[in-house]
Amino acid sequence: MKSNMSNILILGCSYTQGHTHPYENSWSWCLSKRHPHLNFFDYSKGGSSVQWAAHCLECVSADYTIAQYTSPFRLSLWPEDWQQIAQHRKQRSHNYNTWDSDSLELDCVFASSGWLGTPRFGWPGNSEPLVPFVREYFTQLPSHLHTINYQGVVEQLHQRVDFGFKWSNEDPLDVVSAEDNITGWSELMIDDYYHLGVEGSERVADWIEKDFLIPNGII
């Protein structure tokens, strides 16, 4: 990440990476288009856990980190060698770097309790052989332990990032939420899972500019 431009690391799940149209529906992509003098390294991944975000933060250095804390009841599995993971990076523009999700899912697994059924988009990558393990994990581990583990990781993350927030008010965290800061939230959702479309992503970008980038003199 060596550059004369400030490097901003982005962490999160599909609410950050984008959904249906990953770039156009991504608030980090919106910010990169507005501010070509900043480098955005979006390490968010749809379906990922806060443990994945913490791992990315350990392996990547940046001038600033913005984190959207993902939901509980997620399980992410990845290779020990970071270089094996990093090979799945993709340069979208001169100042925006993100994952090639299809490629990444050949080496990593991003599962949730939704795997107790069948994911609406099918089994990603090479994950199907791990379905029995994932189902046992979510079946055998009591729900309150998932929440305790999730909250503990977020607490540590929140102390290390420069701007952190939860997406929905339903997430069991005592931090600021995007939902509370985006006018017309429910009208901007494009599905029943709190994903936003292009207009919603632009408004999230507005909020992050107002509450973080401008006050810290980054823009």
C-alpha atoms as a PDB file:
ATOM      1  CA  MET A   1       0.000   0.000   0.000  1.00  0.00           C
ATOM      2  CA  LYS A   2       2.899   2.430  -0.562  1.00  0.00           C
ATOM      3  CA  SER A   3       1.744   5.676  -2.135  1.00  0.00           C
ATOM      4  CA  ASN A   4       1.889   9.437  -1.670  1.00  0.00           C
ATOM      5  CA  MET A   5      -1.895   9.298  -1.444  1.00  0.00           C
ATOM      6  CA  SER A   6      -3.585   8.507   1.873  1.00  0.00           C
ATOM      7  CA  ASN A   7      -4.663   4.868   2.069  1.00  0.00           C
ATOM      8  CA  ILE A   8      -8.092   4.061   3.506  1.00  0.00           C
ATOM      9  CA  LEU A   9      -8.884   0.478   4.495  1.00  0.00           C
ATOM     10  CA  ILE A  10     -12.557  -0.520   4.336  1.00  0.00           C
ATOM     11  CA  LEU A  11     -13.955  -3.475   6.317  1.00  0.00           C
ATOM     12  CA  GLY A  12     -17.461  -4.934   6.293  1.00  0.00           C
ATOM     13  CA  CYS A  13     -19.805  -7.378   4.585  1.00  0.00           C
ATOM     14  CA  SER A  14     -22.219  -7.109   1.629  1.00  0.00           C
ATOM     15  CA  TYR A  15     -23.652  -3.887   3.068  1.00  0.00           C
ATOM     16  CA  THR A  16     -20.262  -2.374   2.263  1.00  0.00           C
ATOM     17  CA  GLN A  17     -18.976  -4.478  -0.634  1.00  0.00           C
ATOM     18  CA  GLY A  18     -22.244  -4.030  -2.495  1.00  0.00           C
ATOM     19  CA  HIS A  19     -25.077  -6.359  -3.381  1.00  0.00           C
ATOM     20  CA  THR A  20     -26.468  -7.364  -6.802  1.00  0.00           C
ATOM     21  CA  HIS A  21     -24.270  -4.734  -8.498  1.00  0.00           C
ATOM     22  CA  PRO A  22     -21.199  -4.806  -6.224  1.00  0.00           C
ATOM     23  CA  TYR A  23     -19.504  -1.628  -7.440  1.00  0.00           C
ATOM     24  CA  GLU A  24     -22.386   0.693  -8.165  1.00  0.00           C
ATOM     25  CA  ASN A  25     -24.103  -0.279  -4.898  1.00  0.00           C
ATOM     26  CA  SER A  26     -20.987   0.225  -2.778  1.00  0.00           C
ATOM     27  CA  TRP A  27     -20.546   3.342  -0.655  1.00  0.00           C
ATOM     28  CA  SER A  28     -16.754   2.876  -0.700  1.00  0.00           C
ATOM     29  CA  TRP A  29     -16.845   2.884  -4.514  1.00  0.00           C
ATOM     30  CA  CYS A  30     -18.899   6.085  -4.353  1.00  0.00           C
ATOM     31  CA  LEU A  31     -16.242   7.675  -2.143  1.00  0.00           C
ATOM     32  CA  SER A  32     -13.429   6.572  -4.438  1.00  0.00           C
ATOM     33  CA  LYS A  33     -15.105   8.274  -7.397  1.00  0.00           C
ATOM     34  CA  ARG A  34     -15.607  11.477  -5.434  1.00  0.00           C
ATOM     35  CA  HIS A  35     -12.055  11.614  -4.056  1.00  0.00           C
ATOM     36  CA  PRO A  36      -9.482  10.483  -6.624  1.00  0.00           C
ATOM     37  CA  HIS A  37      -6.680  11.792  -4.366  1.00  0.00           C
ATOM     38  CA  LEU A  38      -7.380   8.979  -1.854  1.00  0.00           C
ATOM     39  CA  ASN A  39      -6.621   5.262  -2.209  1.00  0.00           C
ATOM     40  CA  PHE A  40      -9.449   2.954  -1.118  1.00  0.00           C
ATOM     41  CA  PHE A  41      -8.649  -0.657  -0.255  1.00  0.00           C
ATOM     42  CA  ASP A  42     -12.023  -2.301   0.217  1.00  0.00           C
ATOM     43  CA  TYR A  43     -11.506  -5.593   2.071  1.00  0.00           C
ATOM     44  CA  SER A  44     -15.200  -6.049   2.822  1.00  0.00           C
ATOM     45  CA  LYS A  45     -16.738  -9.353   1.764  1.00  0.00           C
ATOM     46  CA  GLY A  46     -20.353 -10.406   1.485  1.00  0.00           C
ATOM     47  CA  GLY A  47     -21.312 -12.928   4.165  1.00  0.00           C
ATOM     48  CA  SER A  48     -18.102 -12.412   6.124  1.00  0.00           C
ATOM     49  CA  SER A  49     -17.707 -12.334   9.907  1.00  0.00           C
ATOM     50  CA  VAL A  50     -16.128  -9.767  12.205  1.00  0.00           C
ATOM     51  CA  GLN A  51     -13.319 -12.299  12.696  1.00  0.00           C
ATOM     52  CA  TRP A  52     -12.532 -11.947   8.972  1.00  0.00           C
ATOM     53  CA  ALA A  53     -12.443  -8.159   9.359  1.00  0.00           C
ATOM     54  CA  ALA A  54     -10.075  -8.492  12.327  1.00  0.00           C
ATOM     55  CA  HIS A  55      -7.802 -10.787  10.310  1.00  0.00           C
ATOM     56  CA  CYS A  56      -7.672  -8.309   7.417  1.00  0.00           C
ATOM     57  CA  LEU A  57      -6.845  -5.501   9.831  1.00  0.00           C
ATOM     58  CA  GLU A  58      -3.946  -7.576  11.213  1.00  0.00           C
ATOM     59  CA  CYS A  59      -2.526  -8.225   7.740  1.00  0.00           C
ATOM     60  CA  VAL A  60      -2.955  -4.830   6.084  1.00  0.00           C
ATOM     61  CA  SER A  61      -1.544  -1.436   7.021  1.00  0.00           C
ATOM     62  CA  ALA A  62      -3.305   1.804   6.118  1.00  0.00           C
ATOM     63  CA  ASP A  63      -3.474   5.438   7.143  1.00  0.00           C
ATOM     64  CA  TYR A  64      -7.138   5.177   8.148  1.00  0.00           C
ATOM     65  CA  THR A  65      -9.602   2.338   8.692  1.00  0.00           C
ATOM     66  CA  ILE A  66     -13.376   2.510   8.315  1.00  0.00           C
ATOM     67  CA  ALA A  67     -15.273  -0.553   9.568  1.00  0.00           C
ATOM     68  CA  GLN A  68     -18.892  -1.586   9.126  1.00  0.00           C
ATOM     69  CA  TYR A  69     -19.316  -4.319  11.740  1.00  0.00           C
ATOM     70  CA  THR A  70     -20.941  -7.345  10.173  1.00  0.00           C
ATOM     71  CA  SER A  71     -23.776  -9.330  11.740  1.00  0.00           C
ATOM     72  CA  PRO A  72     -23.457 -12.158  14.280  1.00  0.00           C
ATOM     73  CA  PHE A  73     -24.007 -15.825  13.344  1.00  0.00           C
ATOM     74  CA  ARG A  74     -21.305 -15.769  10.685  1.00  0.00           C
ATOM     75  CA  LEU A  75     -18.406 -18.178  10.192  1.00  0.00           C
ATOM     76  CA  SER A  76     -15.407 -17.372   7.974  1.00  0.00           C
ATOM     77  CA  LEU A  77     -12.636 -19.854   7.148  1.00  0.00           C
ATOM     78  CA  TRP A  78      -9.434 -18.876   5.331  1.00  0.00           C
ATOM     79  CA  PRO A  79      -5.912 -20.149   4.552  1.00  0.00           C
ATOM     80  CA  GLU A  80      -3.149 -19.368   7.027  1.00  0.00           C
ATOM     81  CA  ASP A  81      -0.954 -17.818   4.320  1.00  0.00           C
ATOM     82  CA  TRP A  82      -2.089 -14.228   3.698  1.00  0.00           C
ATOM     83  CA  GLN A  83      -0.366 -14.164   0.304  1.00  0.00           C
ATOM     84  CA  GLN A  84      -2.668 -16.951  -0.844  1.00  0.00           C
ATOM     85  CA  ILE A  85      -5.591 -14.718   0.064  1.00  0.00           C
ATOM     86  CA  ALA A  86      -4.089 -11.487  -1.285  1.00  0.00           C
ATOM     87  CA  GLN A  87      -3.749 -12.950  -4.776  1.00  0.00           C
ATOM     88  CA  HIS A  88      -7.522 -12.540  -5.109  1.00  0.00           C
ATOM     89  CA  ARG A  89      -7.297  -8.739  -5.050  1.00  0.00           C
ATOM     90  CA  LYS A  90      -8.574  -6.810  -8.075  1.00  0.00           C
ATOM     91  CA  GLN A  91      -7.788  -3.230  -9.150  1.00  0.00           C
ATOM     92  CA  ARG A  92     -11.105  -1.634 -10.087  1.00  0.00           C
ATOM     93  CA  SER A  93      -9.720   1.848 -10.793  1.00  0.00           C
ATOM     94  CA  HIS A  94      -6.534   3.817 -10.165  1.00  0.00           C
ATOM     95  CA  ASN A  95      -7.577   4.391  -6.536  1.00  0.00           C
ATOM     96  CA  TYR A  96      -9.921   1.486  -5.732  1.00  0.00           C
ATOM     97  CA  ASN A  97      -8.822  -2.051  -4.898  1.00  0.00           C
ATOM     98  CA  THR A  98     -11.283  -4.799  -3.973  1.00  0.00           C
ATOM     99  CA  TRP A  99     -11.805  -8.555  -3.963  1.00  0.00           C
ATOM    100  CA  ASP A 100     -12.538 -10.752  -6.921  1.00  0.00           C
ATOM    101  CA  SER A 101     -15.264 -12.498  -4.919  1.00  0.00           C
ATOM    102  CA  ASP A 102     -15.637 -15.547  -7.158  1.00  0.00           C
ATOM    103  CA  SER A 103     -11.894 -16.149  -7.022  1.00  0.00           C
ATOM    104  CA  LEU A 104     -11.646 -15.521  -3.260  1.00  0.00           C
ATOM    105  CA  GLU A 105     -14.392 -18.056  -2.547  1.00  0.00           C
ATOM    106  CA  LEU A 106     -12.255 -20.801  -4.082  1.00  0.00           C
ATOM    107  CA  ASP A 107      -9.889 -20.498  -1.091  1.00  0.00           C
ATOM    108  CA  CYS A 108     -12.134 -19.076   1.653  1.00  0.00           C
ATOM    109  CA  VAL A 109     -15.561 -19.887   3.086  1.00  0.00           C
ATOM    110  CA  PHE A 110     -18.019 -17.212   4.225  1.00  0.00           C
ATOM    111  CA  ALA A 111     -20.887 -19.026   5.930  1.00  0.00           C
ATOM    112  CA  SER A 112     -23.815 -18.034   8.111  1.00  0.00           C
ATOM    113  CA  SER A 113     -26.637 -19.656  10.025  1.00  0.00           C
ATOM    114  CA  GLY A 114     -28.530 -19.357   6.738  1.00  0.00           C
ATOM    115  CA  TRP A 115     -26.596 -22.456   5.719  1.00  0.00           C
ATOM    116  CA  LEU A 116     -28.894 -24.483   7.964  1.00  0.00           C
ATOM    117  CA  GLY A 117     -31.095 -24.233   4.896  1.00  0.00           C
ATOM    118  CA  THR A 118     -29.882 -23.634   1.354  1.00  0.00           C
ATOM    119  CA  PRO A 119     -28.375 -20.222   0.544  1.00  0.00           C
ATOM    120  CA  ARG A 120     -30.560 -18.307  -1.901  1.00  0.00           C
ATOM    121  CA  PHE A 121     -27.586 -17.940  -4.267  1.00  0.00           C
ATOM    122  CA  GLY A 122     -26.338 -21.522  -3.890  1.00  0.00           C
ATOM    123  CA  TRP A 123     -23.101 -22.822  -2.366  1.00  0.00           C
ATOM    124  CA  PRO A 124     -20.249 -20.440  -3.255  1.00  0.00           C
ATOM    125  CA  GLY A 125     -16.844 -21.522  -4.505  1.00  0.00           C
ATOM    126  CA  ASN A 126     -15.572 -24.837  -3.158  1.00  0.00           C
ATOM    127  CA  SER A 127     -17.620 -24.638   0.052  1.00  0.00           C
ATOM    128  CA  GLU A 128     -20.208 -27.391  -0.410  1.00  0.00           C
ATOM    129  CA  PRO A 129     -18.061 -30.155   1.190  1.00  0.00           C
ATOM    130  CA  LEU A 130     -17.903 -28.035   4.360  1.00  0.00           C
ATOM    131  CA  VAL A 131     -21.689 -27.749   4.707  1.00  0.00           C
ATOM    132  CA  PRO A 132     -21.974 -30.577   7.308  1.00  0.00           C
ATOM    133  CA  PHE A 133     -19.290 -28.917   9.463  1.00  0.00           C
ATOM    134  CA  VAL A 134     -20.902 -25.472   9.173  1.00  0.00           C
ATOM    135  CA  ARG A 135     -24.332 -26.857  10.092  1.00  0.00           C
ATOM    136  CA  GLU A 136     -22.925 -28.667  13.117  1.00  0.00           C
ATOM    137  CA  TYR A 137     -21.162 -25.480  14.196  1.00  0.00           C
ATOM    138  CA  PHE A 138     -24.361 -23.423  14.149  1.00  0.00           C
ATOM    139  CA  THR A 139     -26.435 -26.245  15.643  1.00  0.00           C
ATOM    140  CA  GLN A 140     -24.152 -27.222  18.518  1.00  0.00           C
ATOM    141  CA  LEU A 141     -22.935 -23.805  19.676  1.00  0.00           C
ATOM    142  CA  PRO A 142     -25.615 -22.024  21.752  1.00  0.00           C
ATOM    143  CA  SER A 143     -26.863 -18.747  20.293  1.00  0.00           C
ATOM    144  CA  HIS A 144     -25.733 -16.626  23.241  1.00  0.00           C
ATOM    145  CA  LEU A 145     -22.138 -17.822  22.755  1.00  0.00           C
ATOM    146  CA  HIS A 146     -22.211 -16.653  19.134  1.00  0.00           C
ATOM    147  CA  THR A 147     -23.317 -13.215  20.346  1.00  0.00           C
ATOM    148  CA  ILE A 148     -20.722 -13.041  23.142  1.00  0.00           C
ATOM    149  CA  ASN A 149     -17.912 -13.947  20.738  1.00  0.00           C
ATOM    150  CA  TYR A 150     -19.182 -11.453  18.155  1.00  0.00           C
ATOM    151  CA  GLN A 151     -19.441  -8.612  20.656  1.00  0.00           C
ATOM    152  CA  GLY A 152     -15.963  -9.320  22.035  1.00  0.00           C
ATOM    153  CA  VAL A 153     -14.335  -9.157  18.614  1.00  0.00           C
ATOM    154  CA  VAL A 154     -16.193  -5.960  17.719  1.00  0.00           C
ATOM    155  CA  GLU A 155     -15.102  -4.347  20.996  1.00  0.00           C
ATOM    156  CA  GLN A 156     -11.459  -4.997  20.110  1.00  0.00           C
ATOM    157  CA  LEU A 157     -11.963  -3.840  16.523  1.00  0.00           C
ATOM    158  CA  HIS A 158     -13.666  -0.645  17.632  1.00  0.00           C
ATOM    159  CA  GLN A 159     -10.603   0.342  19.658  1.00  0.00           C
ATOM    160  CA  ARG A 160      -8.344  -0.034  16.626  1.00  0.00           C
ATOM    161  CA  VAL A 161     -10.298   1.459  13.728  1.00  0.00           C
ATOM    162  CA  ASP A 162     -10.739   5.168  13.047  1.00  0.00           C
ATOM    163  CA  PHE A 163     -14.460   5.058  12.282  1.00  0.00           C
ATOM    164  CA  GLY A 164     -16.653   2.074  13.099  1.00  0.00           C
ATOM    165  CA  PHE A 165     -20.401   1.532  12.918  1.00  0.00           C
ATOM    166  CA  LYS A 166     -23.100  -1.110  12.757  1.00  0.00           C
ATOM    167  CA  TRP A 167     -25.468  -1.280   9.808  1.00  0.00           C
ATOM    168  CA  SER A 168     -28.863  -1.995  11.319  1.00  0.00           C
ATOM    169  CA  ASN A 169     -30.298  -1.117  14.713  1.00  0.00           C
ATOM    170  CA  GLU A 170     -31.027  -4.823  15.131  1.00  0.00           C
ATOM    171  CA  ASP A 171     -27.334  -5.664  15.513  1.00  0.00           C
ATOM    172  CA  PRO A 172     -26.575  -6.164  19.240  1.00  0.00           C
ATOM    173  CA  LEU A 173     -23.885  -3.478  19.542  1.00  0.00           C
ATOM    174  CA  ASP A 174     -23.686  -0.199  21.423  1.00  0.00           C
ATOM    175  CA  VAL A 175     -22.195   1.800  18.539  1.00  0.00           C
ATOM    176  CA  VAL A 176     -23.566   4.281  16.023  1.00  0.00           C
ATOM    177  CA  SER A 177     -25.649   2.747  13.238  1.00  0.00           C
ATOM    178  CA  ALA A 178     -25.969   3.624   9.568  1.00  0.00           C
ATOM    179  CA  GLU A 179     -29.727   3.172   9.860  1.00  0.00           C
ATOM    180  CA  ASP A 180     -29.998   6.061  12.318  1.00  0.00           C
ATOM    181  CA  ASN A 181     -28.005   8.377  10.078  1.00  0.00           C
ATOM    182  CA  ILE A 182     -29.550   7.749   6.660  1.00  0.00           C
ATOM    183  CA  THR A 183     -32.768   9.610   5.893  1.00  0.00           C
ATOM    184  CA  GLY A 184     -35.419   7.460   4.201  1.00  0.00           C
ATOM    185  CA  TRP A 185     -33.662   4.221   5.168  1.00  0.00           C
ATOM    186  CA  SER A 186     -36.589   1.865   4.574  1.00  0.00           C
ATOM    187  CA  GLU A 187     -37.428   3.411   1.188  1.00  0.00           C
ATOM    188  CA  LEU A 188     -33.807   3.003   0.063  1.00  0.00           C
ATOM    189  CA  MET A 189     -33.631  -0.737   0.806  1.00  0.00           C
ATOM    190  CA  ILE A 190     -33.655  -2.961  -2.288  1.00  0.00           C
ATOM    191  CA  ASP A 191     -34.546  -6.202  -0.457  1.00  0.00           C
ATOM    192  CA  ASP A 192     -35.704  -7.532   2.925  1.00  0.00           C
ATOM    193  CA  TYR A 193     -32.113  -7.941   4.145  1.00  0.00           C
ATOM    194  CA  TYR A 194     -31.261  -4.232   4.604  1.00  0.00           C
ATOM    195  CA  HIS A 195     -29.207  -3.894   1.403  1.00  0.00           C
ATOM    196  CA  LEU A 196     -29.255  -0.459  -0.200  1.00  0.00           C
ATOM    197  CA  GLY A 197     -29.232   0.502  -3.856  1.00  0.00           C
ATOM    198  CA  VAL A 198     -27.149   3.167  -5.582  1.00  0.00           C
ATOM    199  CA  GLU A 199     -28.989   6.113  -4.008  1.00  0.00           C
ATOM    200  CA  GLY A 200     -28.659   4.587  -0.541  1.00  0.00           C
ATOM    201  CA  SER A 201     -24.941   3.984  -1.034  1.00  0.00           C
ATOM    202  CA  GLU A 202     -24.493   7.607  -2.061  1.00  0.00           C
ATOM    203  CA  ARG A 203     -26.203   8.704   1.158  1.00  0.00           C
ATOM    204  CA  VAL A 204     -23.966   6.454   3.251  1.00  0.00           C
ATOM    205  CA  ALA A 205     -20.987   8.059   1.495  1.00  0.00           C
ATOM    206  CA  ASP A 206     -22.441  11.507   2.367  1.00  0.00           C
ATOM    207  CA  TRP A 207     -22.679  10.496   6.023  1.00  0.00           C
ATOM    208  CA  ILE A 208     -19.116   9.135   6.222  1.00  0.00           C
ATOM    209  CA  GLU A 209     -17.818  12.316   4.612  1.00  0.00           C
ATOM    210  CA  LYS A 210     -19.721  14.483   7.097  1.00  0.00           C
ATOM    211  CA  ASP A 211     -18.957  12.507  10.268  1.00  0.00           C
ATOM    212  CA  PHE A 212     -15.446  11.221   9.567  1.00  0.00           C
ATOM    213  CA  LEU A 213     -13.588  12.391   6.464  1.00  0.00           C
ATOM    214  CA  ILE A 214     -14.283  16.118   6.795  1.00  0.00           C
ATOM    215  CA  PRO A 215     -13.818  16.434  10.606  1.00  0.00           C
ATOM    216  CA  ASN A 216     -10.463  14.638  10.345  1.00  0.00           C
ATOM    217  CA  GLY A 217      -9.231  16.803   7.487  1.00  0.00           C
ATOM    218  CA  ILE A 218      -8.974  13.858   5.092  1.00  0.00           C
ATOM    219  CA  ILE A 219     -11.025  15.690   2.469  1.00  0.00           C
END
